[in-house]
Each structure stands twice: as C-alpha cells, then as structure tokens.
Amino acid sequence: MDLEHDFKPFLIFGIVFTLCLVMVTLGGIELAGVWMDAMYPIFFLFAVAGLSISWIRWKNLNEKS
C-alpha cells in the first residue's frame, strides 16, 4: 500500500461521512439524534476533504500512467 498514491481510504472516508450527511439531512434530529445534528458541519468538512483528496490522488495516478 502506497499512502502517497492510494486513494481508496480517502474515498471510503468521504463516502462514510457523506452517508452521515444524508442521514442527518433527510432524517433530522428524530433519526440521527442531537449529537449528529450538532456534528453536521464537521461531517460536511470531512466528506468534502475525503472526496477531494481521493479525486486528486486518482487523477494524478491516471495522468502518470
């Protein structure tokens, strides 16, 4: 596993936090709970960061080969 070029952990990280975002957005406090509703900005930050890093690494991987 090459951490400098591997994009899959960041893709999984971004997908998990995107699912948390969807659950909080669609379910609200009744489904997700108060603590997940409070964590919404952090979920958004981590989802965007994980998907962005995985996209950049995947793009660089395909350009070099």
N, C-alpha and C. Protein backbone atom coordinates (compact mmCIF):
# COMPACT_ATOMS: atom_id res chain seq x y z
N MET A 1 0.83 -1.17 0.00
CA MET A 1 0.00 0.00 0.00
C MET A 1 0.89 1.25 0.00
N ASP A 2 0.71 2.06 -0.98
CA ASP A 2 1.47 3.30 -1.12
C ASP A 2 0.58 4.46 -0.67
N LEU A 3 0.84 4.98 0.52
CA LEU A 3 -0.02 6.02 1.09
C LEU A 3 0.01 7.31 0.30
N GLU A 4 1.07 7.55 -0.44
CA GLU A 4 1.15 8.77 -1.19
C GLU A 4 0.31 8.74 -2.46
N HIS A 5 0.04 7.55 -2.98
CA HIS A 5 -0.71 7.44 -4.23
C HIS A 5 -2.02 6.69 -4.08
N ASP A 6 -2.31 6.15 -2.91
CA ASP A 6 -3.52 5.35 -2.74
C ASP A 6 -4.70 6.27 -2.42
N PHE A 7 -5.78 6.12 -3.18
CA PHE A 7 -6.93 6.98 -3.00
C PHE A 7 -8.10 6.29 -2.31
N LYS A 8 -8.08 4.98 -2.20
CA LYS A 8 -9.24 4.24 -1.69
C LYS A 8 -9.59 4.55 -0.23
N PRO A 9 -8.62 4.67 0.70
CA PRO A 9 -9.02 5.01 2.08
C PRO A 9 -9.73 6.37 2.17
N PHE A 10 -9.28 7.32 1.38
CA PHE A 10 -9.92 8.63 1.40
C PHE A 10 -11.29 8.59 0.75
N LEU A 11 -11.45 7.75 -0.27
CA LEU A 11 -12.75 7.60 -0.92
C LEU A 11 -13.75 6.98 0.05
N ILE A 12 -13.34 5.96 0.76
CA ILE A 12 -14.21 5.32 1.75
C ILE A 12 -14.55 6.31 2.87
N PHE A 13 -13.55 7.04 3.33
CA PHE A 13 -13.74 8.06 4.36
C PHE A 13 -14.77 9.10 3.91
N GLY A 14 -14.65 9.56 2.67
CA GLY A 14 -15.59 10.55 2.14
C GLY A 14 -16.99 10.00 1.98
N ILE A 15 -17.11 8.75 1.55
CA ILE A 15 -18.42 8.14 1.38
C ILE A 15 -19.11 7.94 2.72
N VAL A 16 -18.38 7.51 3.73
CA VAL A 16 -18.98 7.30 5.06
C VAL A 16 -19.52 8.62 5.61
N PHE A 17 -18.74 9.67 5.50
CA PHE A 17 -19.20 10.95 6.02
C PHE A 17 -20.30 11.55 5.15
N THR A 18 -20.32 11.25 3.85
CA THR A 18 -21.42 11.69 3.01
C THR A 18 -22.71 10.99 3.42
N LEU A 19 -22.62 9.70 3.75
CA LEU A 19 -23.80 8.99 4.24
C LEU A 19 -24.30 9.57 5.56
N CYS A 20 -23.37 9.97 6.42
CA CYS A 20 -23.77 10.64 7.67
C CYS A 20 -24.48 11.95 7.37
N LEU A 21 -23.98 12.70 6.40
CA LEU A 21 -24.63 13.94 6.00
C LEU A 21 -26.04 13.70 5.49
N VAL A 22 -26.20 12.69 4.65
CA VAL A 22 -27.52 12.38 4.10
C VAL A 22 -28.48 11.97 5.21
N MET A 23 -28.01 11.17 6.14
CA MET A 23 -28.86 10.72 7.24
C MET A 23 -29.31 11.91 8.09
N VAL A 24 -28.41 12.82 8.39
CA VAL A 24 -28.77 13.98 9.20
C VAL A 24 -29.70 14.90 8.42
N THR A 25 -29.45 15.09 7.14
CA THR A 25 -30.26 16.00 6.34
C THR A 25 -31.68 15.46 6.15
N LEU A 26 -31.79 14.20 5.78
CA LEU A 26 -33.11 13.64 5.50
C LEU A 26 -33.84 13.19 6.75
N GLY A 27 -33.12 12.67 7.73
CA GLY A 27 -33.75 12.15 8.92
C GLY A 27 -34.01 13.17 10.00
N GLY A 28 -33.16 14.15 10.08
CA GLY A 28 -33.32 15.16 11.12
C GLY A 28 -32.93 14.64 12.49
N ILE A 29 -33.35 15.36 13.50
CA ILE A 29 -33.00 15.01 14.87
C ILE A 29 -33.68 13.70 15.29
N GLU A 30 -34.86 13.41 14.74
CA GLU A 30 -35.58 12.21 15.13
C GLU A 30 -34.82 10.94 14.77
N LEU A 31 -34.20 10.93 13.62
CA LEU A 31 -33.46 9.74 13.17
C LEU A 31 -32.01 9.75 13.64
N ALA A 32 -31.35 10.87 13.46
CA ALA A 32 -29.90 10.93 13.72
C ALA A 32 -29.57 11.23 15.17
N GLY A 33 -30.38 11.98 15.82
CA GLY A 33 -30.09 12.37 17.19
C GLY A 33 -29.49 13.76 17.26
N VAL A 34 -29.46 14.29 18.45
CA VAL A 34 -28.99 15.66 18.65
C VAL A 34 -27.50 15.78 18.39
N TRP A 35 -26.72 14.78 18.82
CA TRP A 35 -25.27 14.90 18.68
C TRP A 35 -24.83 14.87 17.22
N MET A 36 -25.52 14.06 16.38
CA MET A 36 -25.16 14.05 14.96
C MET A 36 -25.62 15.33 14.28
N ASP A 37 -26.71 15.90 14.74
CA ASP A 37 -27.16 17.18 14.19
C ASP A 37 -26.15 18.28 14.51
N ALA A 38 -25.57 18.21 15.69
CA ALA A 38 -24.55 19.19 16.07
C ALA A 38 -23.24 18.97 15.32
N MET A 39 -22.98 17.75 14.91
CA MET A 39 -21.73 17.42 14.20
C MET A 39 -21.84 17.65 12.68
N TYR A 40 -22.97 18.16 12.21
CA TYR A 40 -23.19 18.34 10.77
C TYR A 40 -22.08 19.12 10.07
N PRO A 41 -21.62 20.26 10.60
CA PRO A 41 -20.53 20.98 9.90
C PRO A 41 -19.24 20.18 9.81
N ILE A 42 -18.94 19.40 10.82
CA ILE A 42 -17.72 18.58 10.79
C ILE A 42 -17.87 17.44 9.80
N PHE A 43 -19.06 16.83 9.75
CA PHE A 43 -19.31 15.80 8.74
C PHE A 43 -19.14 16.37 7.34
N PHE A 44 -19.65 17.57 7.12
CA PHE A 44 -19.53 18.21 5.82
C PHE A 44 -18.07 18.46 5.46
N LEU A 45 -17.31 18.96 6.41
CA LEU A 45 -15.89 19.23 6.19
C LEU A 45 -15.13 17.96 5.84
N PHE A 46 -15.33 16.89 6.63
CA PHE A 46 -14.63 15.64 6.38
C PHE A 46 -15.07 14.97 5.08
N ALA A 47 -16.34 15.07 4.73
CA ALA A 47 -16.83 14.48 3.48
C ALA A 47 -16.18 15.18 2.28
N VAL A 48 -16.17 16.48 2.30
CA VAL A 48 -15.57 17.23 1.19
C VAL A 48 -14.08 16.98 1.11
N ALA A 49 -13.41 16.96 2.26
CA ALA A 49 -11.96 16.74 2.28
C ALA A 49 -11.62 15.34 1.78
N GLY A 50 -12.31 14.32 2.26
CA GLY A 50 -12.02 12.95 1.84
C GLY A 50 -12.26 12.74 0.36
N LEU A 51 -13.38 13.23 -0.15
CA LEU A 51 -13.67 13.06 -1.58
C LEU A 51 -12.73 13.89 -2.44
N SER A 52 -12.35 15.06 -1.98
CA SER A 52 -11.42 15.90 -2.76
C SER A 52 -10.03 15.27 -2.83
N ILE A 53 -9.54 14.80 -1.71
CA ILE A 53 -8.21 14.18 -1.69
C ILE A 53 -8.20 12.92 -2.55
N SER A 54 -9.26 12.12 -2.46
CA SER A 54 -9.29 10.90 -3.28
C SER A 54 -9.38 11.24 -4.77
N TRP A 55 -10.12 12.28 -5.13
CA TRP A 55 -10.21 12.68 -6.53
C TRP A 55 -8.86 13.16 -7.05
N ILE A 56 -8.16 13.96 -6.27
CA ILE A 56 -6.85 14.48 -6.69
C ILE A 56 -5.86 13.34 -6.85
N ARG A 57 -5.84 12.42 -5.89
CA ARG A 57 -4.90 11.29 -5.99
C ARG A 57 -5.25 10.36 -7.14
N TRP A 58 -6.54 10.13 -7.39
CA TRP A 58 -6.94 9.27 -8.51
C TRP A 58 -6.59 9.93 -9.83
N LYS A 59 -6.79 11.23 -9.93
CA LYS A 59 -6.46 11.96 -11.15
C LYS A 59 -4.95 11.93 -11.42
N ASN A 60 -4.14 12.13 -10.38
CA ASN A 60 -2.68 12.09 -10.54
C ASN A 60 -2.20 10.69 -10.89
N LEU A 61 -2.85 9.68 -10.36
CA LEU A 61 -2.49 8.30 -10.66
C LEU A 61 -2.72 7.97 -12.13
N ASN A 62 -3.83 8.45 -12.67
CA ASN A 62 -4.16 8.19 -14.08
C ASN A 62 -3.33 9.02 -15.04
N GLU A 63 -2.91 10.19 -14.63
CA GLU A 63 -2.09 11.03 -15.52
C GLU A 63 -0.67 10.49 -15.67
N LYS A 64 -0.14 9.87 -14.64
CA LYS A 64 1.24 9.38 -14.69
C LYS A 64 1.37 8.10 -15.51
N SER A 65 0.31 7.32 -15.58
CA SER A 65 0.42 6.05 -16.31
C SER A 65 0.01 6.17 -17.75
